[in-house]
Amino acid sequence: MGSRIRTALSRAKYAAVGAAVGAAVGGLWSRNAASTGGALGGLAGATLAELKSGAGGLFADDGDDGGDTDDLGDGAEVDAAA
């Protein structure tokens, strides 16, 4: 449970920093650009945090643990190699 909370806080930090940077850059032009920049920066920060979270990130399957055990067959190749 604590790990999930830490992960959520980490993702929220990335999104907040992305939104702040996007708003600051957009604010150089106008208020409307600051709003748009904040939204896009928050989205980019959240996406980066999701990708950075590792094997359980954006492109992982529900049952995938990150290992490539599907192409090993019945294990005979692993025993022969060891």
Protein backbone atom coordinates (compact mmCIF):
# COMPACT_ATOMS: atom_id res chain seq x y z
CA MET A 1 0.00 0.00 0.00
CA GLY A 2 2.82 2.39 0.84
CA SER A 3 4.47 1.66 -2.49
CA ARG A 4 1.33 2.67 -4.37
CA ILE A 5 1.12 5.93 -2.45
CA ARG A 6 4.78 6.72 -3.15
CA THR A 7 4.27 5.94 -6.84
CA ALA A 8 1.19 8.17 -7.03
CA LEU A 9 3.02 11.03 -5.31
CA SER A 10 5.97 10.66 -7.66
CA ARG A 11 3.67 10.83 -10.67
CA ALA A 12 1.90 13.86 -9.23
CA LYS A 13 5.24 15.62 -8.72
CA TYR A 14 6.22 15.05 -12.35
CA ALA A 15 2.85 16.35 -13.54
CA ALA A 16 3.07 19.43 -11.29
CA VAL A 17 6.59 20.29 -12.40
CA GLY A 18 5.61 19.80 -16.04
CA ALA A 19 2.60 22.06 -15.60
CA ALA A 20 4.67 24.76 -13.90
CA VAL A 21 7.33 24.71 -16.61
CA GLY A 22 4.72 24.72 -19.37
CA ALA A 23 2.85 27.62 -17.78
CA ALA A 24 6.06 29.58 -17.31
CA VAL A 25 7.09 29.14 -20.92
CA GLY A 26 3.59 29.89 -22.20
CA GLY A 27 3.37 32.91 -19.91
CA LEU A 28 6.12 34.56 -21.91
CA TRP A 29 3.55 35.10 -24.68
CA SER A 30 0.15 35.57 -23.07
CA ARG A 31 -2.26 34.37 -20.39
CA ASN A 32 -3.99 32.09 -22.84
CA ALA A 33 -0.69 30.52 -23.85
CA ALA A 34 0.22 30.10 -20.17
CA SER A 35 -2.98 28.14 -19.60
CA THR A 36 -2.39 25.97 -22.64
CA GLY A 37 1.27 25.49 -21.75
CA GLY A 38 0.35 24.46 -18.22
CA ALA A 39 -2.09 21.86 -19.50
CA LEU A 40 0.32 20.46 -22.05
CA GLY A 41 3.20 20.50 -19.57
CA GLY A 42 1.12 18.63 -17.01
CA LEU A 43 0.21 16.04 -19.60
CA ALA A 44 3.85 15.66 -20.64
CA GLY A 45 4.95 15.34 -17.01
CA ALA A 46 2.33 12.71 -16.26
CA THR A 47 3.30 10.76 -19.38
CA LEU A 48 6.98 10.91 -18.46
CA ALA A 49 6.22 9.68 -14.95
CA GLU A 50 4.17 6.80 -16.34
CA LEU A 51 6.95 5.76 -18.71
CA LYS A 52 9.59 6.12 -16.01
CA SER A 53 7.71 3.87 -13.60
CA GLY A 54 9.34 0.82 -15.19
CA ALA A 55 7.99 -2.56 -16.23
CA GLY A 56 4.60 -1.88 -14.69
CA GLY A 57 4.34 1.30 -16.72
CA LEU A 58 2.35 2.37 -19.71
CA PHE A 59 3.11 -0.46 -22.14
CA ALA A 60 3.06 -3.43 -19.75
CA ASP A 61 0.40 -6.11 -20.01
CA ASP A 62 -1.74 -6.88 -16.97
CA GLY A 63 -0.12 -10.28 -16.42
CA ASP A 64 3.34 -9.39 -17.68
CA ASP A 65 6.13 -9.30 -15.11
CA GLY A 66 8.70 -8.00 -17.58
CA GLY A 67 10.45 -11.33 -18.16
CA ASP A 68 10.82 -13.06 -21.51
CA THR A 69 9.79 -16.56 -20.49
CA ASP A 70 7.43 -17.13 -23.43
CA ASP A 71 10.16 -18.10 -25.88
CA LEU A 72 12.01 -20.50 -23.58
CA GLY A 73 9.85 -23.51 -24.33
CA ASP A 74 9.73 -26.26 -21.69
CA GLY A 75 13.01 -25.28 -20.04
CA ALA A 76 15.27 -27.81 -21.78
CA GLU A 77 17.23 -25.05 -23.49
CA VAL A 78 17.81 -23.30 -20.16
CA ASP A 79 19.05 -26.51 -18.51
CA ALA A 80 21.37 -27.25 -21.44
CA ALA A 81 22.84 -23.76 -21.36
CA ALA A 82 23.54 -23.91 -17.63
